[in-house]
Amino acid sequence: MASAKEDYNAVPLTEKVDPEKSADANDGSEDENVGLKPKMTLLNGCTVIVGSIIGSGIFVSPSGVLEGTGSVNLALLVWIISGVFSMIGAYCYAELGCMIKKTGADYAYIMVTFGPFLAFIRLWVECIIVRPCSQAIVALTFSIYATKPFFPECDPPDTPVRLLAAMCICLLTFVNCWEVKWATFVQDIFTYAKLLALFIIILTGFYQLSQGKVENFTFENTEEDMTKIALSFYSGLFAYNGWNYLNFVIEELQDPVKNLPRAIAISCVLVTLVYVFTNIAFYTTLSVPEVLGSEAVAVTFAERMYGSWAFMIPIFVAMSTFGGVNGILLTSSRLFYAGACEGQMPEILSMIQVNKMTPAPAVLVVAFLSLIYLTSSNIFALINYTGFATWVSIGLAVFCLPYLRWKHPEWERPIKVSLIFPIIYCLATVYITIVPMIASPVETGIGIAIILTGVPVYFIFVYWKNKPQVIQKLSDGFTKLLMKLIVVLPPKKSGADTMPKAEEAPKINVDA
């Protein structure tokens, strides 16, 4: 029996889509093809990365690094090294992204290099737990800080906070389903807002330094336990999480060979400078005990320095996290889409809305999962249990670079990094993942058990191809129904859309 995708592919697109109403009607007949369109500029790429990296952490709790280091100066060194380490990983991703120009980032690279099983395990933990949980947590943070001005003397009530977080997710789901340019516009605006807030804090720090406020910058009480220092790097690197998000939407980036490495370089350098200078600003005014004891360091700093204007900081934190929710939704939906295109997610998630050219089904599923986790009180625990899997998968993706150099030297590489960089990154990844595992064996064991739930799912739903006819008919019927309801079609394939398979070793045409 023909699948739903084959059935709908037989229908001429011109009968379904009016080019005059298409989001890309001005570009000619080429835009009659259903698929993701390269609408993102270099500036949009930078705001996706910066907006995804900078969330609430730098405003609320930069104390995780300080707690593991014990002294301000060592904490600042950890922030710098974590930034440089992230730049190395991003540099490696630039080569991978320009060589394998596929939506999905490390999922795509692992698929090409190591095959479908490892790629699915990566997809499973990221799509089912990490991404929707992260989005729910950031939405809750937005809601808490958006309502904080109305409850200055106490914490906001839990039910209104969760309802506002749900409204935030629903609003941004509509934006991301309606128009990619709307989503990138939201990302641009709220990235500028969070950078403005941080620049105000940084300028205040420079003023404090000019007044000689340097007494806190010492190595006193530096931690000697290497395990705790390793955990401080874990906290620092977590704050830089998101540097690889542009790779998830590379098919929608204009001229990715030029703009991907440029956006990565600009964004990673900018975020590192902003993080380091923001921490310096905090320590010009707040002592180590004050930073460790504060529930929201930026708010404490603002109350000390800005007086009656301190209310602006919670507003900026809310704006920062609102943009963070948008960034997670934008990139997570492309990961679901990439998995569906490879046959590892339900077929409907590979469909594109025919008028708006957005992966609407994938966006809706990400939002639905986030709303489910929003009702749970265990989302923070789930992230803690499975957080190490993100670093393992990124390290595995970076390892793909030297492996593919050896296995397929004939593939074209517009960018070719020195092999010393992926080697350094992989060795450091082993260190920063194994040490926390040793320090928290129970949590690590729970996390591994959660990840391994993907194994039976893979063999039942992905590896098993010859399912009973009744199951196939039900699946195809349900897919067709959803296609009609959401008005979606499978993307038109082209040479650039075909992911190279490790066993076939084709020549990649980077100009496709």
Protein backbone atom coordinates (compact mmCIF):
# COMPACT_ATOMS: atom_id res chain seq x y z
CA MET A 1 0.00 0.00 0.00
CA ALA A 2 1.30 3.48 -0.85
CA SER A 3 2.19 5.65 2.10
CA ALA A 4 0.43 8.93 2.82
CA LYS A 5 3.49 10.80 1.60
CA GLU A 6 3.48 8.98 -1.76
CA ASP A 7 -0.25 9.55 -2.13
CA TYR A 8 0.04 13.28 -1.61
CA ASN A 9 3.14 13.59 -3.75
CA ALA A 10 0.99 12.48 -6.69
CA VAL A 11 -1.12 15.63 -6.36
CA PRO A 12 0.19 18.60 -8.40
CA LEU A 13 1.31 21.30 -6.03
CA THR A 14 -0.25 24.04 -8.13
CA GLU A 15 -3.66 22.64 -7.24
CA LYS A 16 -2.92 23.08 -3.56
CA VAL A 17 -0.95 26.29 -3.36
CA ASP A 18 -1.56 29.66 -4.92
CA PRO A 19 1.88 31.17 -5.57
CA GLU A 20 0.43 34.65 -5.15
CA LYS A 21 -0.35 33.76 -1.54
CA SER A 22 2.89 31.96 -0.87
CA ALA A 23 5.31 33.52 1.57
CA ASP A 24 7.90 33.45 -1.21
CA ALA A 25 5.76 34.34 -4.19
CA ASN A 26 8.11 37.13 -5.22
CA ASP A 27 10.95 34.72 -5.92
CA GLY A 28 9.43 33.01 -8.96
CA SER A 29 8.31 29.53 -9.82
CA GLU A 30 11.01 27.87 -7.73
CA ASP A 31 9.06 28.77 -4.61
CA GLU A 32 6.13 26.61 -5.69
CA ASN A 33 8.16 23.75 -4.20
CA VAL A 34 7.15 22.93 -0.65
CA GLY A 35 10.13 23.03 1.68
CA LEU A 36 12.08 25.10 4.17
CA LYS A 37 13.20 28.36 2.58
CA PRO A 38 16.51 30.20 3.20
CA LYS A 39 15.03 33.36 4.73
CA MET A 40 17.52 33.89 7.57
CA THR A 41 20.24 36.50 7.13
CA LEU A 42 23.61 36.66 8.87
CA LEU A 43 22.06 38.99 11.48
CA ASN A 44 19.21 36.53 12.07
CA GLY A 45 21.78 33.76 12.48
CA CYS A 46 23.67 35.76 15.10
CA THR A 47 20.51 36.51 17.07
CA VAL A 48 19.47 32.84 16.98
CA ILE A 49 22.78 31.85 18.59
CA VAL A 50 23.08 34.77 21.01
CA GLY A 51 19.41 34.63 21.94
CA SER A 52 19.59 30.87 22.52
CA ILE A 53 22.75 31.04 24.66
CA ILE A 54 21.82 34.00 26.85
CA GLY A 55 18.82 33.04 28.94
CA SER A 56 18.06 33.69 32.57
CA GLY A 57 21.21 32.07 34.00
CA ILE A 58 23.54 35.07 33.76
CA PHE A 59 20.89 37.28 35.37
CA VAL A 60 19.66 34.89 38.02
CA SER A 61 22.35 32.50 39.17
CA PRO A 62 25.94 32.79 37.94
CA SER A 63 26.85 31.41 41.38
CA GLY A 64 27.18 27.80 40.12
CA VAL A 65 30.67 28.52 38.80
CA LEU A 66 31.66 30.45 41.93
CA GLU A 67 30.46 27.66 44.19
CA GLY A 68 32.78 25.18 42.49
CA THR A 69 35.83 27.45 42.37
CA GLY A 70 35.66 29.21 45.73
CA SER A 71 37.32 32.42 44.53
CA VAL A 72 36.30 35.20 42.18
CA ASN A 73 39.44 35.13 40.02
CA LEU A 74 39.25 31.39 39.37
CA ALA A 75 35.54 31.75 38.62
CA LEU A 76 36.35 34.37 35.97
CA LEU A 77 38.97 32.04 34.48
CA VAL A 78 36.37 29.27 34.28
CA TRP A 79 33.99 31.62 32.46
CA ILE A 80 36.73 32.53 29.96
CA ILE A 81 37.88 28.92 29.43
CA SER A 82 34.27 27.76 29.04
CA GLY A 83 33.77 30.43 26.36
CA VAL A 84 36.93 29.41 24.52
CA PHE A 85 35.93 25.75 24.78
CA SER A 86 32.52 26.55 23.29
CA MET A 87 34.22 28.46 20.46
CA ILE A 88 36.33 25.38 19.67
CA GLY A 89 33.22 23.22 19.49
CA ALA A 90 31.45 25.83 17.37
CA TYR A 91 34.46 26.01 15.03
CA CYS A 92 34.26 22.23 14.53
CA TYR A 93 30.52 22.50 13.91
CA ALA A 94 31.23 25.12 11.23
CA GLU A 95 33.14 22.52 9.19
CA LEU A 96 30.47 19.87 9.77
CA GLY A 97 27.63 22.26 8.96
CA CYS A 98 29.21 23.47 5.71
CA MET A 99 29.97 19.89 4.66
CA ILE A 100 26.63 18.33 5.65
CA LYS A 101 24.12 21.11 5.07
CA LYS A 102 21.20 19.35 6.72
CA THR A 103 18.72 20.49 9.34
CA GLY A 104 19.31 18.62 12.59
CA ALA A 105 22.90 19.56 13.51
CA ASP A 106 24.59 16.84 15.59
CA TYR A 107 21.72 14.44 14.89
CA ALA A 108 22.46 14.73 11.16
CA TYR A 109 26.22 14.38 11.68
CA ILE A 110 25.83 11.28 13.85
CA MET A 111 23.39 9.80 11.33
CA VAL A 112 25.86 10.21 8.47
CA THR A 113 28.85 8.98 10.45
CA PHE A 114 27.60 6.24 12.76
CA GLY A 115 24.25 5.24 11.35
CA PRO A 116 20.61 5.34 12.45
CA PHE A 117 20.77 3.65 15.86
CA LEU A 118 23.05 6.13 17.65
CA ALA A 119 21.34 8.98 15.82
CA PHE A 120 17.95 7.82 17.10
CA ILE A 121 19.15 7.55 20.70
CA ARG A 122 20.37 11.14 20.41
CA LEU A 123 17.05 12.16 18.87
CA TRP A 124 15.04 10.30 21.51
CA VAL A 125 16.53 11.88 24.61
CA GLU A 126 16.70 15.35 23.05
CA CYS A 127 13.18 15.42 21.58
CA ILE A 128 11.28 13.55 24.27
CA ILE A 129 12.96 15.03 27.36
CA VAL A 130 15.68 17.67 27.00
CA ARG A 131 14.14 20.13 24.54
CA PRO A 132 10.50 20.19 25.78
CA CYS A 133 11.65 20.20 29.42
CA SER A 134 14.06 23.05 28.73
CA GLN A 135 11.35 25.03 26.99
CA ALA A 136 8.94 24.50 29.89
CA ILE A 137 11.57 25.57 32.43
CA VAL A 138 12.48 28.74 30.51
CA ALA A 139 8.79 29.56 30.06
CA LEU A 140 8.28 29.17 33.82
CA THR A 141 11.23 31.48 34.47
CA PHE A 142 9.70 34.04 32.10
CA SER A 143 6.38 33.79 33.91
CA ILE A 144 7.92 34.16 37.37
CA TYR A 145 9.81 37.32 36.44
CA ALA A 146 6.92 38.76 34.42
CA THR A 147 4.64 38.51 37.46
CA LYS A 148 7.28 39.42 40.07
CA PRO A 149 6.57 43.20 39.95
CA PHE A 150 3.00 42.42 41.06
CA PHE A 151 4.23 40.40 44.05
CA PRO A 152 7.21 42.40 45.38
CA GLU A 153 7.05 40.92 48.89
CA CYS A 154 6.48 37.24 48.06
CA ASP A 155 6.70 34.63 45.33
CA PRO A 156 3.97 34.70 42.66
CA PRO A 157 1.26 32.02 43.02
CA ASP A 158 2.03 28.78 41.22
CA THR A 159 -1.17 28.41 39.18
CA PRO A 160 -1.08 31.87 37.52
CA VAL A 161 2.64 31.39 36.84
CA ARG A 162 2.04 28.12 35.00
CA LEU A 163 -0.93 29.56 33.09
CA LEU A 164 1.15 32.52 31.91
CA ALA A 165 3.96 30.15 30.91
CA ALA A 166 1.45 28.12 28.88
CA MET A 167 0.21 31.32 27.21
CA CYS A 168 3.80 32.22 26.34
CA ILE A 169 4.37 28.82 24.69
CA CYS A 170 1.06 29.01 22.80
CA LEU A 171 1.72 32.53 21.51
CA LEU A 172 5.19 31.64 20.25
CA THR A 173 3.84 28.43 18.73
CA PHE A 174 1.44 30.50 16.64
CA VAL A 175 4.27 32.84 15.60
CA ASN A 176 6.53 29.95 14.55
CA CYS A 177 3.72 28.23 12.64
CA TRP A 178 2.63 31.40 10.88
CA GLU A 179 5.87 32.78 9.47
CA VAL A 180 9.60 32.09 9.83
CA LYS A 181 10.34 35.80 9.48
CA TRP A 182 8.03 36.52 12.41
CA ALA A 183 9.94 34.01 14.53
CA THR A 184 13.31 35.51 13.58
CA PHE A 185 11.94 39.02 14.20
CA VAL A 186 10.88 38.02 17.73
CA GLN A 187 14.32 36.47 18.23
CA ASP A 188 16.03 39.66 17.01
CA ILE A 189 14.02 42.03 19.21
CA PHE A 190 14.36 40.07 22.43
CA THR A 191 18.04 39.39 21.82
CA TYR A 192 18.61 43.15 21.54
CA ALA A 193 16.66 43.63 24.78
CA LYS A 194 18.74 41.17 26.79
CA LEU A 195 21.98 42.57 25.36
CA LEU A 196 20.86 46.09 26.29
CA ALA A 197 20.25 44.99 29.88
CA LEU A 198 23.65 43.30 30.10
CA PHE A 199 25.42 46.28 28.53
CA ILE A 200 23.84 48.54 31.20
CA ILE A 201 25.18 46.20 33.91
CA ILE A 202 28.60 46.08 32.21
CA LEU A 203 28.84 49.88 31.96
CA THR A 204 27.92 50.11 35.64
CA GLY A 205 30.74 47.65 36.36
CA PHE A 206 33.23 49.77 34.41
CA TYR A 207 32.15 52.78 36.48
CA GLN A 208 32.66 50.80 39.68
CA LEU A 209 36.13 49.73 38.53
CA SER A 210 37.01 53.36 37.83
CA GLN A 211 36.09 54.05 41.45
CA GLY A 212 38.59 51.43 42.62
CA LYS A 213 36.06 48.71 43.54
CA VAL A 214 38.45 45.76 43.08
CA GLU A 215 38.65 44.28 46.57
CA ASN A 216 36.72 41.12 45.64
CA PHE A 217 39.06 40.12 42.80
CA THR A 218 41.36 37.66 44.55
CA PHE A 219 42.27 33.96 44.58
CA GLU A 220 41.45 33.67 48.29
CA ASN A 221 39.59 30.50 49.32
CA THR A 222 40.26 28.86 45.94
CA GLU A 223 38.84 25.34 45.86
CA GLU A 224 41.45 22.55 45.79
CA ASP A 225 39.08 19.65 45.06
CA MET A 226 39.38 18.94 41.32
CA THR A 227 35.95 17.30 41.27
CA LYS A 228 34.30 20.52 42.41
CA ILE A 229 36.32 22.53 39.88
CA ALA A 230 35.18 20.13 37.15
CA LEU A 231 31.59 20.70 38.26
CA SER A 232 32.18 24.45 37.99
CA PHE A 233 33.17 23.93 34.34
CA TYR A 234 29.96 21.95 33.91
CA SER A 235 28.01 24.97 35.18
CA GLY A 236 29.99 27.34 32.99
CA LEU A 237 29.54 25.28 29.84
CA PHE A 238 25.84 24.89 30.59
CA ALA A 239 25.56 28.69 30.50
CA TYR A 240 27.04 28.65 26.98
CA ASN A 241 24.64 25.93 25.83
CA GLY A 242 23.03 26.95 22.54
CA TRP A 243 26.10 27.80 20.45
CA ASN A 244 25.19 24.93 18.09
CA TYR A 245 21.55 25.95 17.57
CA LEU A 246 22.08 27.67 14.22
CA ASN A 247 23.20 24.33 12.76
CA PHE A 248 19.70 23.03 13.47
CA VAL A 249 18.19 25.52 10.99
CA ILE A 250 21.00 25.61 8.43
CA GLU A 251 18.66 24.87 5.51
CA GLU A 252 16.92 28.18 6.27
CA LEU A 253 20.14 30.21 6.43
CA GLN A 254 21.10 32.25 3.38
CA ASP A 255 24.49 31.29 1.94
CA PRO A 256 25.35 28.92 4.82
CA VAL A 257 28.94 28.33 3.67
CA LYS A 258 29.71 32.00 4.35
CA ASN A 259 27.16 32.95 6.97
CA LEU A 260 27.34 29.92 9.29
CA PRO A 261 31.00 30.34 10.32
CA ARG A 262 30.61 34.12 10.46
CA ALA A 263 27.55 33.92 12.69
CA ILE A 264 29.24 31.37 14.96
CA ALA A 265 32.41 33.46 15.30
CA ILE A 266 30.58 36.74 15.96
CA SER A 267 28.11 35.22 18.42
CA CYS A 268 30.53 33.12 20.47
CA VAL A 269 33.02 35.98 20.87
CA LEU A 270 30.24 38.41 21.78
CA VAL A 271 28.66 36.07 24.35
CA THR A 272 32.02 35.25 25.96
CA LEU A 273 32.85 38.95 26.35
CA VAL A 274 29.37 39.73 27.68
CA TYR A 275 29.46 36.88 30.20
CA VAL A 276 32.92 37.72 31.52
CA PHE A 277 32.29 41.47 31.79
CA THR A 278 28.89 40.93 33.40
CA ASN A 279 30.46 38.74 36.08
CA ILE A 280 33.17 41.35 36.63
CA ALA A 281 30.43 43.96 37.08
CA PHE A 282 28.66 41.81 39.67
CA TYR A 283 31.86 41.31 41.69
CA THR A 284 32.67 45.03 41.76
CA THR A 285 29.65 45.42 44.04
CA LEU A 286 28.78 42.03 45.54
CA SER A 287 31.03 39.88 47.71
CA VAL A 288 31.38 36.11 47.39
CA PRO A 289 28.86 35.37 50.20
CA GLU A 290 26.37 37.83 48.69
CA VAL A 291 26.58 36.21 45.26
CA LEU A 292 26.28 32.69 46.68
CA GLY A 293 23.35 33.71 48.89
CA SER A 294 21.39 35.61 46.26
CA GLU A 295 18.45 33.96 44.48
CA ALA A 296 18.78 36.46 41.62
CA VAL A 297 22.21 38.08 41.42
CA ALA A 298 21.24 40.69 38.81
CA VAL A 299 18.27 41.81 40.93
CA THR A 300 20.46 42.12 44.03
CA PHE A 301 23.02 44.08 42.01
CA ALA A 302 20.30 46.38 40.61
CA GLU A 303 18.81 47.04 44.05
CA ARG A 304 22.26 48.08 45.24
CA MET A 305 23.11 50.28 42.24
CA TYR A 306 19.90 51.54 40.60
CA GLY A 307 17.57 52.27 43.49
CA SER A 308 14.03 52.92 42.29
CA TRP A 309 14.97 51.77 38.75
CA ALA A 310 15.83 48.27 39.95
CA PHE A 311 12.39 47.05 38.82
CA MET A 312 13.70 47.12 35.24
CA ILE A 313 15.93 44.07 35.76
CA PRO A 314 13.07 41.56 36.34
CA ILE A 315 11.45 42.97 33.19
CA PHE A 316 14.66 42.43 31.21
CA VAL A 317 14.96 38.88 32.61
CA ALA A 318 11.38 38.20 31.49
CA MET A 319 12.18 39.53 28.01
CA SER A 320 15.36 37.47 27.89
CA THR A 321 13.57 34.25 28.77
CA PHE A 322 10.70 35.01 26.36
CA GLY A 323 13.26 35.17 23.56
CA GLY A 324 14.84 31.99 24.94
CA VAL A 325 11.54 30.10 24.63
CA ASN A 326 11.27 31.28 21.02
CA GLY A 327 14.82 30.13 20.22
CA ILE A 328 14.26 26.67 21.71
CA LEU A 329 10.96 26.28 19.85
CA LEU A 330 12.47 27.44 16.56
CA THR A 331 15.40 25.03 16.67
CA SER A 332 13.68 22.09 18.41
CA SER A 333 11.00 21.90 15.74
CA ARG A 334 13.73 21.53 13.11
CA LEU A 335 15.21 18.62 15.05
CA PHE A 336 11.82 16.86 15.05
CA TYR A 337 11.50 17.68 11.34
CA ALA A 338 14.96 16.25 10.59
CA GLY A 339 14.16 13.04 12.47
CA ALA A 340 10.90 12.62 10.57
CA CYS A 341 12.65 13.18 7.23
CA GLU A 342 14.95 10.27 8.15
CA GLY A 343 12.00 8.05 9.03
CA GLN A 344 12.75 8.10 12.77
CA MET A 345 9.79 10.24 13.78
CA PRO A 346 6.13 10.10 12.69
CA GLU A 347 5.82 10.97 9.01
CA ILE A 348 3.53 13.94 9.66
CA LEU A 349 6.41 15.79 11.36
CA SER A 350 8.30 15.94 8.06
CA MET A 351 5.49 17.96 6.45
CA ILE A 352 5.61 21.66 5.56
CA GLN A 353 2.63 24.05 5.69
CA VAL A 354 1.97 24.79 2.03
CA ASN A 355 1.22 28.52 2.36
CA LYS A 356 3.61 29.56 5.13
CA MET A 357 6.48 27.15 4.38
CA THR A 358 6.92 26.36 8.08
CA PRO A 359 7.27 22.91 9.71
CA ALA A 360 3.96 23.49 11.49
CA PRO A 361 3.37 19.86 12.66
CA ALA A 362 6.82 19.72 14.27
CA VAL A 363 6.27 23.09 15.97
CA LEU A 364 2.91 21.94 17.34
CA VAL A 365 4.34 18.70 18.73
CA VAL A 366 7.22 20.50 20.48
CA ALA A 367 4.74 22.90 22.05
CA PHE A 368 2.40 20.05 23.07
CA LEU A 369 5.20 18.16 24.84
CA SER A 370 6.34 21.35 26.57
CA LEU A 371 2.82 22.01 27.85
CA ILE A 372 2.66 18.46 29.24
CA TYR A 373 5.95 18.94 31.11
CA LEU A 374 4.71 22.32 32.31
CA THR A 375 2.16 20.53 34.47
CA SER A 376 4.85 18.37 36.12
CA SER A 377 6.82 19.21 39.23
CA ASN A 378 9.72 16.94 38.21
CA ILE A 379 10.99 18.75 35.12
CA PHE A 380 14.10 20.07 36.87
CA ALA A 381 15.00 16.55 38.01
CA LEU A 382 14.55 15.18 34.48
CA ILE A 383 16.92 17.79 33.08
CA ASN A 384 19.48 17.03 35.79
CA TYR A 385 19.27 13.31 35.08
CA THR A 386 19.71 13.59 31.31
CA GLY A 387 21.74 16.77 30.95
CA PHE A 388 25.02 14.90 30.51
CA ALA A 389 23.59 13.23 27.38
CA THR A 390 23.67 16.58 25.59
CA TRP A 391 27.40 16.97 26.16
CA VAL A 392 28.07 13.35 25.18
CA SER A 393 26.16 13.75 21.92
CA ILE A 394 27.88 17.05 21.08
CA GLY A 395 31.25 15.45 21.81
CA LEU A 396 30.29 12.50 19.60
CA ALA A 397 29.29 14.91 16.83
CA VAL A 398 32.66 16.69 17.09
CA PHE A 399 34.36 13.28 16.89
CA CYS A 400 32.59 12.86 13.54
CA LEU A 401 34.94 15.50 12.12
CA PRO A 402 38.23 13.54 12.37
CA TYR A 403 36.42 10.27 11.65
CA LEU A 404 35.00 11.61 8.38
CA ARG A 405 38.39 13.09 7.49
CA TRP A 406 39.77 9.55 7.67
CA LYS A 407 36.78 7.69 6.23
CA HIS A 408 35.79 10.11 3.45
CA PRO A 409 38.65 12.45 2.57
CA GLU A 410 37.08 12.99 -0.87
CA TRP A 411 34.11 14.98 0.52
CA GLU A 412 34.31 18.68 -0.14
CA ARG A 413 34.95 20.85 2.90
CA PRO A 414 34.55 24.62 2.40
CA ILE A 415 35.99 25.04 5.91
CA LYS A 416 38.74 22.77 7.18
CA VAL A 417 39.74 23.13 10.82
CA SER A 418 42.95 21.88 12.38
CA LEU A 419 42.48 18.41 13.87
CA ILE A 420 43.92 19.62 17.16
CA PHE A 421 40.61 21.38 17.88
CA PRO A 422 38.29 18.34 17.74
CA ILE A 423 40.87 16.31 19.68
CA ILE A 424 40.98 18.93 22.46
CA TYR A 425 37.20 19.19 22.51
CA CYS A 426 36.64 15.43 22.68
CA LEU A 427 39.18 14.93 25.48
CA ALA A 428 37.69 17.78 27.49
CA THR A 429 34.19 16.41 26.90
CA VAL A 430 35.23 13.06 28.35
CA TYR A 431 36.55 14.84 31.44
CA ILE A 432 33.55 17.11 32.07
CA THR A 433 31.06 14.26 31.63
CA ILE A 434 32.82 11.47 33.53
CA VAL A 435 33.68 13.52 36.63
CA PRO A 436 30.06 14.57 37.33
CA MET A 437 29.00 10.96 36.69
CA ILE A 438 31.41 9.80 39.38
CA ALA A 439 30.29 12.58 41.72
CA SER A 440 26.56 11.77 41.21
CA PRO A 441 26.33 8.04 40.36
CA VAL A 442 22.66 7.63 41.32
CA GLU A 443 21.47 10.54 39.18
CA THR A 444 23.68 9.33 36.32
CA GLY A 445 22.24 5.81 36.58
CA ILE A 446 18.69 7.19 36.43
CA GLY A 447 19.64 9.29 33.42
CA ILE A 448 21.15 6.31 31.58
CA ALA A 449 18.03 4.25 32.32
CA ILE A 450 15.84 7.02 30.85
CA ILE A 451 18.03 7.21 27.75
CA LEU A 452 17.95 3.43 27.27
CA THR A 453 14.14 3.52 27.03
CA GLY A 454 14.80 4.63 23.45
CA VAL A 455 16.28 1.22 22.54
CA PRO A 456 13.00 -0.77 22.43
CA VAL A 457 11.30 2.23 20.81
CA TYR A 458 13.89 2.15 18.02
CA PHE A 459 13.52 -1.56 17.29
CA ILE A 460 9.71 -1.53 17.43
CA PHE A 461 8.89 1.70 15.61
CA VAL A 462 11.95 2.39 13.41
CA TYR A 463 13.91 -0.81 12.73
CA TRP A 464 10.83 -3.03 12.27
CA LYS A 465 9.70 -2.20 8.73
CA ASN A 466 7.23 -4.95 7.86
CA LYS A 467 4.47 -4.07 10.29
CA PRO A 468 1.01 -5.66 9.92
CA GLN A 469 -1.18 -4.15 7.21
CA VAL A 470 -3.78 -2.99 9.73
CA ILE A 471 -1.18 -0.90 11.56
CA GLN A 472 0.11 0.58 8.30
CA LYS A 473 -3.43 1.45 7.17
CA LEU A 474 -4.24 3.13 10.48
CA SER A 475 -0.97 5.07 10.38
CA ASP A 476 -1.45 6.19 6.78
CA GLY A 477 -5.07 7.17 7.41
CA PHE A 478 -4.17 9.21 10.46
CA THR A 479 -1.33 10.91 8.58
CA LYS A 480 -3.62 11.82 5.66
CA LEU A 481 -6.21 13.23 8.06
CA LEU A 482 -3.64 15.44 9.75
CA MET A 483 -2.25 16.55 6.40
CA LYS A 484 -5.71 17.77 5.38
CA LEU A 485 -6.39 19.47 8.74
CA ILE A 486 -3.08 21.37 8.88
CA VAL A 487 -2.76 21.73 5.07
CA VAL A 488 0.74 20.31 4.83
CA LEU A 489 2.75 18.42 2.23
CA PRO A 490 6.09 16.60 2.27
CA PRO A 491 9.03 18.79 1.22
CA LYS A 492 10.21 18.50 -2.36
CA LYS A 493 13.53 16.70 -2.43
CA SER A 494 16.56 17.99 -4.30
CA GLY A 495 20.23 17.10 -4.46
CA ALA A 496 20.95 19.37 -1.52
CA ASP A 497 18.21 17.69 0.48
CA THR A 498 19.71 14.20 0.32
CA MET A 499 21.83 13.40 3.33
CA PRO A 500 25.00 11.52 2.38
CA LYS A 501 25.06 8.00 3.75
CA ALA A 502 28.20 6.70 5.43
CA GLU A 503 28.10 3.44 3.52
CA GLU A 504 27.68 5.09 0.09
CA ALA A 505 30.43 7.69 0.38
CA PRO A 506 29.07 10.09 -2.29
CA LYS A 507 30.69 13.30 -3.37
CA ILE A 508 29.06 16.26 -1.65
CA ASN A 509 28.28 19.18 -3.92
CA VAL A 510 28.56 22.16 -1.60
CA ASP A 511 27.15 24.45 -4.28
CA ALA A 512 23.95 22.45 -4.62
